[in-house]
Amino acid sequence: MLELNKNNFEEEIKKNKIIAVDLWAEWCGPCKAMSPIFEELSKEMKDIKFAKLNVDDNTDIATKLGVMSIPTFIVFKNGKEIDRFSGSRPKSELKAKLEVSSKN
């Protein structure tokens, strides 16, 4: 899984046609619950690049993106945000949301 940080965030967002980013923190229970689901989807959905961003280690990026709760999932297409959703959800729901986002 690609780990984003201040050194690679902008480059990765711009170079990947579609990238789904999981904004999370170590202490966050729902983040821990969603992590294996996000990992599974990264192996199933080959047309989307998956990445994680630790908000505690990258507060400047989280603030710039306006992240108010975690986990937050942001989908970028050609460097621009096209969708975002927060909170825990079943794998099927997350997959459906990512499929819709990637087709827009």
Protein backbone atom coordinates (compact mmCIF):
# COMPACT_ATOMS: atom_id res chain seq x y z
CA MET A 1 0.00 0.00 0.00
CA LEU A 2 1.35 3.39 -0.98
CA GLU A 3 1.99 5.65 2.03
CA LEU A 4 1.53 9.32 1.25
CA ASN A 5 3.32 12.15 3.04
CA LYS A 6 4.39 15.74 2.43
CA ASN A 7 7.21 14.56 0.15
CA ASN A 8 5.09 12.56 -2.30
CA PHE A 9 1.43 13.62 -1.87
CA GLU A 10 1.16 16.17 -4.70
CA GLU A 11 3.18 14.05 -7.13
CA GLU A 12 1.16 10.87 -6.51
CA ILE A 13 -2.20 12.67 -6.70
CA LYS A 14 -1.25 14.20 -10.05
CA LYS A 15 0.48 11.21 -11.66
CA ASN A 16 -2.25 8.63 -10.99
CA LYS A 17 -5.35 8.91 -13.15
CA ILE A 18 -7.58 7.75 -10.26
CA ILE A 19 -6.34 7.43 -6.70
CA ALA A 20 -8.35 6.66 -3.56
CA VAL A 21 -6.76 7.96 -0.37
CA ASP A 22 -7.57 6.66 3.11
CA LEU A 23 -6.92 9.41 5.68
CA TRP A 24 -6.47 7.69 9.02
CA ALA A 25 -4.77 7.74 12.44
CA GLU A 26 -3.20 5.03 14.59
CA TRP A 27 -5.52 5.68 17.58
CA CYS A 28 -8.74 5.64 15.51
CA GLY A 29 -10.89 2.51 16.02
CA PRO A 30 -13.00 2.93 12.87
CA CYS A 31 -9.78 3.53 10.89
CA LYS A 32 -8.39 0.22 12.13
CA ALA A 33 -11.63 -1.52 11.17
CA MET A 34 -11.59 -0.06 7.65
CA SER A 35 -7.90 -0.69 6.96
CA PRO A 36 -8.19 -4.40 5.96
CA ILE A 37 -11.24 -3.60 3.80
CA PHE A 38 -9.34 -0.83 2.00
CA GLU A 39 -6.41 -3.24 1.56
CA GLU A 40 -8.68 -5.95 0.07
CA LEU A 41 -10.23 -3.49 -2.36
CA SER A 42 -6.77 -2.35 -3.47
CA LYS A 43 -6.15 -5.91 -4.66
CA GLU A 44 -9.55 -6.26 -6.33
CA MET A 45 -9.92 -2.89 -8.08
CA LYS A 46 -6.91 -2.68 -10.38
CA ASP A 47 -8.07 0.46 -12.23
CA ILE A 48 -7.76 2.56 -9.04
CA LYS A 49 -4.53 3.33 -7.18
CA PHE A 50 -4.95 3.04 -3.40
CA ALA A 51 -2.98 5.02 -0.84
CA LYS A 52 -3.00 5.89 2.86
CA LEU A 53 -2.22 9.16 4.61
CA ASN A 54 -1.64 9.27 8.37
CA VAL A 55 -3.29 12.52 9.47
CA ASP A 56 -1.24 12.75 12.69
CA ASP A 57 2.01 12.68 10.71
CA ASN A 58 0.66 14.97 7.97
CA THR A 59 -1.55 17.52 9.71
CA ASP A 60 -0.76 20.19 7.12
CA ILE A 61 -2.17 18.06 4.28
CA ALA A 62 -5.23 17.00 6.31
CA THR A 63 -5.92 20.64 7.17
CA LYS A 64 -5.47 21.76 3.56
CA LEU A 65 -7.95 19.07 2.47
CA GLY A 66 -10.45 20.14 5.16
CA VAL A 67 -10.60 16.72 6.82
CA MET A 68 -12.79 16.99 9.93
CA SER A 69 -13.30 13.32 10.83
CA ILE A 70 -11.55 10.04 10.16
CA PRO A 71 -11.47 7.75 8.44
CA THR A 72 -12.07 9.93 5.42
CA PHE A 73 -11.72 8.53 1.93
CA ILE A 74 -10.99 10.98 -0.88
CA VAL A 75 -10.99 10.02 -4.54
CA PHE A 76 -8.87 12.10 -6.90
CA LYS A 77 -9.07 11.96 -10.68
CA ASN A 78 -6.32 13.58 -12.73
CA GLY A 79 -5.17 15.51 -9.65
CA LYS A 80 -8.60 16.87 -8.69
CA GLU A 81 -10.87 15.73 -5.87
CA ILE A 82 -14.01 14.14 -7.29
CA ASP A 83 -15.54 12.48 -4.22
CA ARG A 84 -15.13 12.07 -0.47
CA PHE A 85 -16.86 10.13 2.26
CA SER A 86 -16.16 9.55 5.93
CA GLY A 87 -16.74 6.87 8.49
CA SER A 88 -16.91 3.13 8.70
CA ARG A 89 -18.92 1.24 6.11
CA PRO A 90 -19.28 -2.31 4.81
CA LYS A 91 -16.88 -3.45 2.09
CA SER A 92 -19.69 -3.70 -0.48
CA GLU A 93 -20.73 -0.09 0.14
CA LEU A 94 -17.17 1.26 -0.05
CA LYS A 95 -16.54 -0.70 -3.24
CA ALA A 96 -19.76 0.60 -4.83
CA LYS A 97 -18.88 4.20 -3.93
CA LEU A 98 -15.38 3.82 -5.40
CA GLU A 99 -16.78 2.24 -8.57
CA VAL A 100 -19.20 5.14 -9.08
CA SER A 101 -16.48 7.72 -8.38
CA SER A 102 -14.01 6.15 -10.78
CA LYS A 103 -16.52 6.13 -13.64
CA ASN A 104 -17.41 9.84 -13.36
